[in-house]
Protein backbone atom coordinates (compact mmCIF):
# COMPACT_ATOMS: atom_id res chain seq x y z
CA MET A 1 41.43 -32.02 -4.94
CA SER A 2 37.66 -31.93 -4.51
CA ASN A 3 35.34 -32.68 -7.37
CA GLU A 4 32.86 -29.99 -6.06
CA THR A 5 32.43 -27.03 -8.27
CA LYS A 6 30.69 -23.93 -7.08
CA THR A 7 28.52 -22.29 -9.55
CA PRO A 8 28.38 -18.62 -9.58
CA GLY A 9 25.05 -17.25 -8.22
CA THR A 10 24.40 -20.20 -6.01
CA ALA A 11 24.66 -18.04 -2.82
CA ALA A 12 22.52 -15.40 -4.46
CA GLY A 13 19.93 -18.03 -5.44
CA HIS A 14 19.83 -19.31 -1.82
CA SER A 15 19.42 -15.74 -0.42
CA GLY A 16 16.72 -14.95 -3.05
CA LEU A 17 14.86 -18.14 -1.86
CA ILE A 18 15.15 -17.11 1.67
CA TYR A 19 13.95 -13.60 0.95
CA ASN A 20 10.91 -15.05 -0.93
CA ILE A 21 10.08 -17.35 2.01
CA VAL A 22 10.42 -14.42 4.52
CA ILE A 23 8.02 -12.30 2.36
CA ILE A 24 5.49 -15.09 2.04
CA ALA A 25 5.63 -15.67 5.87
CA LEU A 26 5.10 -11.94 6.50
CA VAL A 27 2.02 -11.89 4.22
CA ALA A 28 0.73 -15.02 5.83
CA VAL A 29 1.06 -13.42 9.36
CA ILE A 30 -0.59 -10.19 8.15
CA ILE A 31 -3.49 -12.18 6.71
CA LEU A 32 -3.87 -14.18 9.95
CA ILE A 33 -3.91 -11.00 12.04
CA LEU A 34 -6.50 -9.33 9.82
CA SER A 35 -8.64 -12.49 9.89
CA PHE A 36 -8.43 -12.66 13.75
CA LEU A 37 -9.34 -8.91 13.99
CA TYR A 38 -12.28 -9.38 11.74
CA ARG A 39 -13.65 -12.31 13.72
CA LYS A 40 -12.91 -10.90 17.20
CA ASN A 41 -13.16 -7.09 16.91
CA ASP A 42 -16.55 -5.54 16.30
CA PHE A 43 -15.09 -2.13 15.31
CA PHE A 44 -12.72 -3.75 12.80
CA ARG A 45 -15.59 -5.75 11.37
CA SER A 46 -17.73 -2.59 11.11
CA LEU A 47 -15.14 -0.96 8.87
CA PHE A 48 -16.08 -3.57 6.25
CA GLU A 49 -19.75 -4.21 7.08
CA GLY A 50 -20.85 -0.70 8.00
CA ASN A 51 -21.72 0.62 11.43
CA VAL A 52 -24.09 -1.82 13.02
CA THR A 53 -24.93 0.48 15.97
CA ALA A 54 -26.27 3.17 13.54
CA GLN A 55 -28.92 0.71 12.43
CA THR A 56 -30.35 0.02 15.80
CA GLN A 57 -33.31 2.03 17.11
CA ILE A 58 -32.74 4.19 20.25
CA ALA A 59 -35.55 3.64 22.71
CA SER A 60 -34.44 4.93 26.09
CA GLU A 61 -31.97 7.37 27.81
CA ASN A 62 -29.70 4.32 28.59
CA ASP A 63 -29.68 3.57 24.86
CA ILE A 64 -28.75 7.21 24.17
CA ARG A 65 -25.94 7.13 26.65
CA GLU A 66 -24.68 3.81 25.24
CA ALA A 67 -24.85 5.21 21.65
CA ALA A 68 -22.87 8.29 22.83
CA LYS A 69 -20.30 5.98 24.40
CA ASN A 70 -20.13 4.04 21.11
CA VAL A 71 -19.68 7.20 19.10
CA GLU A 72 -16.91 8.28 21.55
CA SER A 73 -15.23 4.93 21.27
CA ILE A 74 -15.29 5.00 17.52
CA ASN A 75 -13.84 8.53 17.52
CA ARG A 76 -11.12 7.44 19.88
CA THR A 77 -10.33 4.35 17.76
CA ALA A 78 -10.31 6.50 14.65
CA ALA A 79 -7.92 8.90 16.31
CA HIS A 80 -5.61 6.01 17.23
CA LEU A 81 -5.85 4.64 13.72
CA SER A 82 -4.98 8.06 12.28
CA PHE A 83 -2.02 8.41 14.67
CA PHE A 84 -0.61 5.01 13.59
CA ILE A 85 -1.12 5.80 9.92
CA LEU A 86 0.68 9.14 10.37
CA MET A 87 3.54 7.46 12.19
CA PHE A 88 3.85 4.74 9.58
CA ILE A 89 3.96 7.34 6.77
CA LEU A 90 6.54 9.35 8.58
CA ILE A 91 8.70 6.22 9.13
CA LEU A 92 8.45 5.39 5.49
CA GLN A 93 9.44 8.96 4.63
CA ALA A 94 12.44 8.80 6.89
CA VAL A 95 13.53 5.35 5.40
CA ALA A 96 13.17 6.76 1.86
CA PHE A 97 15.20 9.73 2.80
CA MET A 98 18.02 7.66 4.35
CA THR A 99 17.99 5.24 1.46
CA ALA A 100 18.28 8.08 -1.11
CA ALA A 101 21.04 9.67 0.94
CA LYS A 102 22.92 6.25 0.98
CA VAL A 103 22.55 5.83 -2.81
CA PHE A 104 23.76 9.32 -3.60
CA ALA A 105 26.64 9.03 -1.14
CA GLY A 106 27.65 5.82 -2.92
CA LEU A 107 27.49 7.50 -6.27
CA LYS A 108 29.59 10.42 -4.95
CA ARG A 109 32.28 8.10 -3.62
CA SER A 110 32.25 5.81 -6.69
CA ALA A 111 35.45 5.49 -8.67
CA GLU A 112 33.59 4.47 -11.87
CA ALA A 113 33.78 6.39 -15.04
CA VAL A 114 31.99 9.71 -15.19
CA SER A 115 29.69 8.46 -17.98
CA VAL A 116 28.66 5.43 -15.84
CA ARG A 117 28.08 7.58 -12.82
CA MET A 118 25.90 9.96 -14.97
CA LYS A 119 23.75 7.04 -16.09
CA LYS A 120 23.44 5.73 -12.49
CA LEU A 121 22.40 9.24 -11.36
CA GLU A 122 19.64 9.27 -13.98
CA ASN A 123 18.56 5.82 -12.69
CA ALA A 124 18.60 7.02 -9.12
CA ASP A 125 15.71 9.52 -9.78
CA LEU A 126 13.34 6.94 -8.36
CA PHE A 127 14.82 7.56 -4.88
CA LEU A 128 14.05 11.24 -5.18
CA ASP A 129 10.40 10.52 -5.88
CA LEU A 130 9.83 7.94 -3.15
CA PRO A 131 8.91 10.55 -0.54
CA LEU A 132 6.34 11.97 -2.90
CA TYR A 133 4.84 8.50 -3.44
CA PHE A 134 4.72 7.84 0.32
CA GLY A 135 3.04 11.21 0.72
CA LEU A 136 0.49 10.20 -1.76
CA LEU A 137 -0.04 6.97 0.21
CA GLY A 138 -0.78 9.03 3.29
CA THR A 139 -3.27 11.15 1.45
CA VAL A 140 -5.09 7.99 0.24
CA ALA A 141 -5.05 6.51 3.70
CA SER A 142 -6.51 9.83 5.06
CA PHE A 143 -9.40 9.49 2.62
CA ILE A 144 -10.17 6.05 4.15
CA VAL A 145 -10.04 7.41 7.72
CA MET A 146 -12.07 10.47 6.73
CA SER A 147 -15.35 8.50 7.07
CA PHE A 148 -14.61 8.16 10.81
CA ASN A 149 -12.94 11.48 11.78
CA PRO A 150 -12.55 14.15 9.13
CA ASN A 151 -10.46 16.57 11.14
CA ILE A 152 -7.68 14.09 11.95
CA SER A 153 -7.65 12.64 8.28
CA ARG A 154 -6.91 16.18 7.00
CA LEU A 155 -3.98 16.25 9.32
CA ILE A 156 -2.70 13.01 7.80
CA ALA A 157 -3.26 14.22 4.31
CA TYR A 158 -1.62 17.58 4.67
CA SER A 159 1.36 16.44 6.80
CA SER A 160 2.20 13.41 4.81
CA THR A 161 2.12 15.29 1.50
CA LEU A 162 3.96 18.23 2.93
CA VAL A 163 6.75 16.00 4.35
CA GLY A 164 7.01 14.14 1.03
CA ILE A 165 7.39 17.39 -0.88
CA ILE A 166 9.92 18.81 1.56
CA PHE A 167 11.99 15.60 1.57
CA SER A 168 11.95 15.35 -2.14
CA VAL A 169 13.12 18.92 -2.50
CA ILE A 170 15.84 18.55 0.01
CA LEU A 171 17.10 15.36 -1.72
CA ARG A 172 17.19 17.21 -5.01
CA LEU A 173 18.92 20.29 -3.75
CA ILE A 174 21.36 18.64 -1.29
CA PHE A 175 22.24 15.41 -3.02
CA GLN A 176 21.28 15.45 -6.69
CA TYR A 177 22.20 18.99 -7.74
CA PRO A 178 25.74 19.16 -6.41
CA LEU A 179 26.54 15.59 -7.57
CA LYS A 180 25.21 16.34 -11.06
CA GLN A 181 27.08 19.61 -11.25
CA SER A 182 30.28 17.84 -10.30
CA LEU A 183 29.83 15.06 -12.80
CA ILE A 184 29.02 17.60 -15.55
CA THR A 185 32.29 19.54 -14.75
CA ALA A 186 34.27 16.35 -14.60
CA SER A 187 32.80 15.22 -17.96
CA ALA A 188 33.57 18.59 -19.54
CA GLU A 189 37.12 18.37 -18.21
CA LEU A 190 37.50 14.87 -19.66
CA ASN A 191 36.28 16.03 -23.01
CA GLY A 192 38.54 18.98 -22.86
CA LYS A 193 41.61 16.81 -22.25
CA GLU A 194 40.66 14.40 -24.98
CA SER A 195 40.25 17.30 -27.52
CA GLU A 196 43.67 18.61 -26.63
CA GLN A 197 45.35 15.27 -27.40
């Protein structure tokens, strides 16, 4: 026989350590990318330092054309940034929706006691609000982009908030309400059987 004893939670401890290392590595990569962009990309740097081209004095037609090209370039970059923010928010919304659907499907299939499932259902309210939080994130991001392109930032604000509201309502109507109704009915039936005995 072996003298080795496995302590419970050792595997969980190792996976938690690996998870923390991955998170730290991701944060380090993001910081490196942002630092690189700040050093090498004038537009990215101007997001933090202000628009340097607006401070220069225009002296000739060539300078006017160059300034118009710079403005067009900034508008194009702002449009790309807005598009990526919108796509990121929509992906977050979809992930939140799928996560909530998985949680509620697990609660529906669970064989636990009705009282435990009711408590878990109350605890799962967070998943119903995630789309709203991500919609708010899109609205805040749109205010940041608004300084570059007000029209596109309105699109981000309206669409991300609208999608968040719609997803939250769908989650509540399709997943929460029927599950809560069935649990309430099952609880009432259990209480009725206990009172008969």
